[in-house]
N, C-alpha and C. Protein backbone atom coordinates (compact mmCIF):
# COMPACT_ATOMS: atom_id res chain seq x y z
N MET A 1 2.42 -21.37 22.56
CA MET A 1 3.06 -21.18 21.28
C MET A 1 3.80 -19.84 21.24
N LYS A 2 3.17 -18.81 21.79
CA LYS A 2 3.77 -17.48 21.80
C LYS A 2 5.08 -17.48 22.59
N CYS A 3 5.11 -18.20 23.73
CA CYS A 3 6.33 -18.27 24.55
C CYS A 3 7.46 -18.95 23.80
N VAL A 4 7.13 -19.98 23.02
CA VAL A 4 8.14 -20.70 22.25
C VAL A 4 8.74 -19.77 21.19
N LEU A 5 7.92 -19.00 20.53
CA LEU A 5 8.40 -18.07 19.52
C LEU A 5 9.29 -16.98 20.13
N ILE A 6 8.89 -16.47 21.27
CA ILE A 6 9.68 -15.45 21.95
C ILE A 6 11.03 -16.03 22.38
N LEU A 7 11.00 -17.24 22.93
CA LEU A 7 12.25 -17.89 23.35
C LEU A 7 13.17 -18.14 22.16
N ALA A 8 12.60 -18.61 21.05
CA ALA A 8 13.40 -18.84 19.84
C ALA A 8 14.01 -17.55 19.32
N PHE A 9 13.23 -16.46 19.37
CA PHE A 9 13.72 -15.16 18.93
C PHE A 9 14.89 -14.70 19.81
N LEU A 10 14.74 -14.81 21.11
CA LEU A 10 15.80 -14.39 22.03
C LEU A 10 17.06 -15.24 21.84
N LEU A 11 16.90 -16.53 21.61
CA LEU A 11 18.05 -17.40 21.37
C LEU A 11 18.76 -16.99 20.08
N ALA A 12 17.99 -16.71 19.03
CA ALA A 12 18.59 -16.29 17.76
C ALA A 12 19.35 -14.98 17.92
N ILE A 13 18.80 -14.03 18.66
CA ILE A 13 19.49 -12.76 18.90
C ILE A 13 20.79 -13.00 19.65
N GLY A 14 20.76 -13.84 20.65
CA GLY A 14 21.96 -14.15 21.42
C GLY A 14 23.04 -14.78 20.57
N LEU A 15 22.65 -15.66 19.67
CA LEU A 15 23.63 -16.30 18.80
C LEU A 15 24.21 -15.32 17.79
N MET A 16 23.40 -14.37 17.32
CA MET A 16 23.89 -13.38 16.36
C MET A 16 24.98 -12.51 16.96
N PHE A 17 24.90 -12.23 18.24
CA PHE A 17 25.86 -11.34 18.87
C PHE A 17 26.87 -12.07 19.74
N ALA A 18 26.91 -13.38 19.63
CA ALA A 18 27.86 -14.17 20.41
C ALA A 18 29.27 -13.85 19.94
N ASP A 19 30.19 -13.83 20.86
CA ASP A 19 31.59 -13.57 20.53
C ASP A 19 32.34 -14.89 20.46
N GLY A 20 32.21 -15.57 19.35
CA GLY A 20 32.92 -16.82 19.15
C GLY A 20 32.19 -18.00 19.75
N VAL A 21 32.92 -19.12 19.79
CA VAL A 21 32.37 -20.38 20.27
C VAL A 21 33.24 -20.90 21.41
N HIS A 22 32.60 -21.16 22.53
CA HIS A 22 33.31 -21.71 23.70
C HIS A 22 33.93 -23.05 23.29
N PRO A 23 35.23 -23.23 23.53
CA PRO A 23 35.89 -24.47 23.14
C PRO A 23 35.51 -25.64 24.05
N ASN A 24 35.69 -26.84 23.53
CA ASN A 24 35.50 -28.04 24.34
C ASN A 24 36.60 -28.13 25.38
N GLY A 25 36.35 -28.86 26.45
CA GLY A 25 37.32 -29.01 27.52
C GLY A 25 36.89 -28.21 28.74
N THR A 26 37.60 -28.44 29.85
CA THR A 26 37.27 -27.74 31.09
C THR A 26 38.32 -26.71 31.48
N GLY A 27 39.41 -26.66 30.74
CA GLY A 27 40.44 -25.65 31.01
C GLY A 27 41.50 -26.09 32.02
N THR A 28 41.43 -27.34 32.46
CA THR A 28 42.44 -27.84 33.40
C THR A 28 43.65 -28.34 32.62
N GLU A 29 44.73 -28.62 33.33
CA GLU A 29 45.93 -29.14 32.68
C GLU A 29 45.65 -30.50 32.04
N ASP A 30 44.84 -31.33 32.69
CA ASP A 30 44.50 -32.65 32.17
C ASP A 30 43.40 -32.63 31.12
N ASP A 31 42.61 -31.58 31.08
CA ASP A 31 41.50 -31.45 30.13
C ASP A 31 41.44 -30.00 29.64
N PRO A 32 42.48 -29.59 28.86
CA PRO A 32 42.54 -28.19 28.43
C PRO A 32 41.41 -27.83 27.49
N TYR A 33 41.14 -26.53 27.39
CA TYR A 33 40.22 -26.05 26.37
C TYR A 33 40.87 -26.34 25.02
N LEU A 34 40.12 -26.91 24.09
CA LEU A 34 40.65 -27.28 22.78
C LEU A 34 40.33 -26.20 21.76
N ILE A 35 41.38 -25.56 21.28
CA ILE A 35 41.24 -24.49 20.28
C ILE A 35 41.42 -25.13 18.91
N GLU A 36 40.27 -25.25 18.21
CA GLU A 36 40.30 -25.95 16.93
C GLU A 36 39.76 -25.13 15.77
N SER A 37 39.35 -23.89 16.06
CA SER A 37 38.76 -23.07 14.99
C SER A 37 38.96 -21.58 15.27
N LEU A 38 38.73 -20.79 14.25
CA LEU A 38 38.80 -19.34 14.40
C LEU A 38 37.72 -18.86 15.36
N ASP A 39 36.58 -19.52 15.38
CA ASP A 39 35.53 -19.16 16.33
C ASP A 39 35.98 -19.36 17.77
N ASN A 40 36.79 -20.40 18.02
CA ASN A 40 37.33 -20.60 19.37
C ASN A 40 38.31 -19.49 19.72
N LEU A 41 39.13 -19.05 18.77
CA LEU A 41 40.06 -17.95 19.02
C LEU A 41 39.31 -16.65 19.29
N LEU A 42 38.22 -16.43 18.56
CA LEU A 42 37.41 -15.24 18.79
C LEU A 42 36.87 -15.25 20.22
N TRP A 43 36.36 -16.40 20.67
CA TRP A 43 35.87 -16.51 22.04
C TRP A 43 36.99 -16.17 23.02
N LEU A 44 38.17 -16.71 22.78
CA LEU A 44 39.30 -16.48 23.69
C LEU A 44 39.68 -14.99 23.72
N SER A 45 39.63 -14.33 22.58
CA SER A 45 40.04 -12.92 22.55
C SER A 45 39.00 -11.99 23.16
N THR A 46 37.75 -12.43 23.27
CA THR A 46 36.69 -11.56 23.78
C THR A 46 36.17 -11.96 25.16
N THR A 47 36.83 -12.93 25.78
CA THR A 47 36.37 -13.43 27.09
C THR A 47 37.50 -13.25 28.10
N GLU A 48 37.53 -12.10 28.77
CA GLU A 48 38.63 -11.79 29.69
C GLU A 48 38.79 -12.82 30.81
N GLU A 49 37.68 -13.42 31.26
CA GLU A 49 37.78 -14.43 32.32
C GLU A 49 38.60 -15.64 31.85
N ALA A 50 38.72 -15.81 30.54
CA ALA A 50 39.46 -16.94 29.98
C ALA A 50 40.97 -16.71 29.99
N TRP A 51 41.40 -15.53 30.41
CA TRP A 51 42.84 -15.21 30.41
C TRP A 51 43.47 -15.47 31.77
N GLU A 52 42.72 -16.00 32.71
CA GLU A 52 43.20 -16.14 34.09
C GLU A 52 44.29 -17.20 34.25
N PHE A 53 45.15 -16.94 35.20
CA PHE A 53 46.20 -17.89 35.57
C PHE A 53 45.55 -19.21 35.95
N GLY A 54 46.15 -20.31 35.52
CA GLY A 54 45.67 -21.64 35.88
C GLY A 54 44.81 -22.29 34.82
N LEU A 55 44.36 -21.53 33.83
CA LEU A 55 43.60 -22.13 32.74
C LEU A 55 44.57 -22.60 31.65
N HIS A 56 44.17 -23.65 30.95
CA HIS A 56 45.05 -24.27 29.94
C HIS A 56 44.32 -24.41 28.62
N TYR A 57 45.05 -24.14 27.53
CA TYR A 57 44.52 -24.23 26.17
C TYR A 57 45.45 -25.07 25.32
N LEU A 58 44.87 -25.87 24.42
CA LEU A 58 45.64 -26.69 23.50
C LEU A 58 45.06 -26.51 22.11
N GLN A 59 45.89 -26.02 21.18
CA GLN A 59 45.45 -25.88 19.80
C GLN A 59 45.49 -27.25 19.15
N THR A 60 44.43 -27.63 18.43
CA THR A 60 44.33 -28.98 17.88
C THR A 60 44.30 -29.03 16.36
N ALA A 61 44.46 -27.89 15.70
CA ALA A 61 44.43 -27.84 14.24
C ALA A 61 45.05 -26.56 13.75
N ASP A 62 45.49 -26.56 12.49
CA ASP A 62 45.89 -25.31 11.86
C ASP A 62 44.64 -24.46 11.68
N ILE A 63 44.78 -23.15 11.87
CA ILE A 63 43.64 -22.25 11.78
C ILE A 63 43.94 -21.16 10.76
N ASP A 64 43.09 -21.05 9.75
CA ASP A 64 43.21 -19.98 8.76
C ASP A 64 42.38 -18.80 9.27
N ALA A 65 43.04 -17.71 9.57
CA ALA A 65 42.38 -16.53 10.14
C ALA A 65 42.16 -15.42 9.11
N SER A 66 42.07 -15.78 7.84
CA SER A 66 41.89 -14.78 6.77
C SER A 66 40.69 -13.87 7.01
N ASP A 67 39.63 -14.42 7.58
CA ASP A 67 38.42 -13.61 7.81
C ASP A 67 38.65 -12.43 8.73
N THR A 68 39.68 -12.48 9.55
CA THR A 68 39.92 -11.40 10.51
C THR A 68 40.25 -10.07 9.83
N GLU A 69 40.62 -10.11 8.58
CA GLU A 69 40.92 -8.89 7.83
C GLU A 69 39.74 -7.92 7.84
N ASN A 70 38.53 -8.46 7.89
CA ASN A 70 37.33 -7.63 7.83
C ASN A 70 36.68 -7.39 9.19
N TRP A 71 37.25 -7.89 10.24
CA TRP A 71 36.67 -7.76 11.58
C TRP A 71 36.89 -6.35 12.13
N ASN A 72 36.01 -5.94 13.00
CA ASN A 72 36.15 -4.67 13.73
C ASN A 72 36.41 -3.48 12.81
N ASP A 73 35.55 -3.36 11.82
CA ASP A 73 35.65 -2.26 10.86
C ASP A 73 37.02 -2.17 10.20
N GLY A 74 37.59 -3.33 9.88
CA GLY A 74 38.88 -3.37 9.20
C GLY A 74 40.09 -3.33 10.11
N GLU A 75 39.87 -3.22 11.42
CA GLU A 75 40.98 -3.19 12.38
C GLU A 75 41.55 -4.59 12.63
N GLY A 76 40.77 -5.63 12.33
CA GLY A 76 41.25 -6.99 12.47
C GLY A 76 40.95 -7.60 13.83
N PHE A 77 41.69 -8.63 14.14
CA PHE A 77 41.53 -9.43 15.35
C PHE A 77 41.91 -8.63 16.58
N VAL A 78 41.11 -8.72 17.61
CA VAL A 78 41.43 -8.06 18.88
C VAL A 78 42.43 -8.95 19.63
N PRO A 79 43.57 -8.42 20.03
CA PRO A 79 44.58 -9.24 20.70
C PRO A 79 44.04 -9.93 21.96
N ILE A 80 44.62 -11.08 22.25
CA ILE A 80 44.26 -11.83 23.46
C ILE A 80 45.10 -11.28 24.60
N GLY A 81 44.44 -10.74 25.61
CA GLY A 81 45.15 -10.13 26.73
C GLY A 81 45.53 -8.70 26.41
N SER A 82 45.57 -7.88 27.43
CA SER A 82 45.90 -6.48 27.21
C SER A 82 46.63 -5.92 28.42
N TYR A 83 47.80 -5.37 28.19
CA TYR A 83 48.52 -4.70 29.27
C TYR A 83 48.01 -3.27 29.44
N LEU A 84 47.30 -2.78 28.44
CA LEU A 84 46.81 -1.42 28.51
C LEU A 84 45.73 -1.25 29.58
N ASP A 85 44.90 -2.27 29.76
CA ASP A 85 43.84 -2.15 30.76
C ASP A 85 44.07 -3.10 31.94
N SER A 86 45.30 -3.48 32.16
CA SER A 86 45.69 -4.32 33.29
C SER A 86 45.06 -5.70 33.28
N THR A 87 44.77 -6.24 32.12
CA THR A 87 44.21 -7.58 32.02
C THR A 87 45.07 -8.43 31.08
N PRO A 88 46.27 -8.81 31.50
CA PRO A 88 47.13 -9.61 30.63
C PRO A 88 46.64 -11.06 30.54
N PHE A 89 47.07 -11.74 29.51
CA PHE A 89 46.79 -13.17 29.35
C PHE A 89 47.74 -13.92 30.27
N ARG A 90 47.21 -14.63 31.25
CA ARG A 90 48.04 -15.35 32.22
C ARG A 90 47.85 -16.85 32.16
N ALA A 91 47.00 -17.29 31.24
CA ALA A 91 46.73 -18.73 31.09
C ALA A 91 47.89 -19.36 30.31
N THR A 92 47.81 -20.66 30.08
CA THR A 92 48.82 -21.39 29.32
C THR A 92 48.23 -21.79 27.98
N TYR A 93 48.91 -21.41 26.88
CA TYR A 93 48.45 -21.75 25.54
C TYR A 93 49.52 -22.59 24.87
N ASP A 94 49.18 -23.82 24.50
CA ASP A 94 50.08 -24.74 23.81
C ASP A 94 49.61 -24.87 22.37
N GLY A 95 50.39 -24.34 21.44
CA GLY A 95 50.03 -24.41 20.02
C GLY A 95 50.25 -25.77 19.42
N ASP A 96 50.98 -26.65 20.13
CA ASP A 96 51.21 -28.04 19.70
C ASP A 96 51.66 -28.15 18.25
N ASN A 97 52.50 -27.20 17.83
CA ASN A 97 53.07 -27.16 16.48
C ASN A 97 52.06 -26.90 15.37
N TYR A 98 50.86 -26.46 15.72
CA TYR A 98 49.89 -26.04 14.73
C TYR A 98 50.09 -24.55 14.47
N GLN A 99 49.58 -24.07 13.35
CA GLN A 99 49.76 -22.67 12.97
C GLN A 99 48.45 -21.91 12.94
N ILE A 100 48.55 -20.61 13.17
CA ILE A 100 47.46 -19.69 12.92
C ILE A 100 47.97 -18.80 11.80
N SER A 101 47.36 -18.89 10.64
CA SER A 101 47.85 -18.15 9.48
C SER A 101 46.89 -17.02 9.08
N ASN A 102 47.45 -16.03 8.42
CA ASN A 102 46.69 -14.90 7.86
C ASN A 102 45.91 -14.10 8.90
N LEU A 103 46.46 -13.96 10.08
CA LEU A 103 45.81 -13.18 11.15
C LEU A 103 46.06 -11.70 10.91
N SER A 104 45.00 -10.93 10.89
CA SER A 104 45.13 -9.48 10.70
C SER A 104 44.82 -8.77 11.98
């Protein structure tokens, strides 16, 4: 019983500090990662391995990013990819005519 409680506690801690939600899909051209929520965008912005050449993303819904106004002590959304630290976004992102609105 004690092991179950400890495991549950560790899982809860991990979820509290998770950076977004890994999108569905495998990231290939035929089975792209499906970006359908702000949580998926958060995962993409905080997972540098997800910016690699050859990975594919497809947005599947309009995303309201109003919550980003309060992220990072008011600094907002962390950009996806960075030329400042030599880690640019090199993957393929297809917005499929969907919008991301109110991004701060």
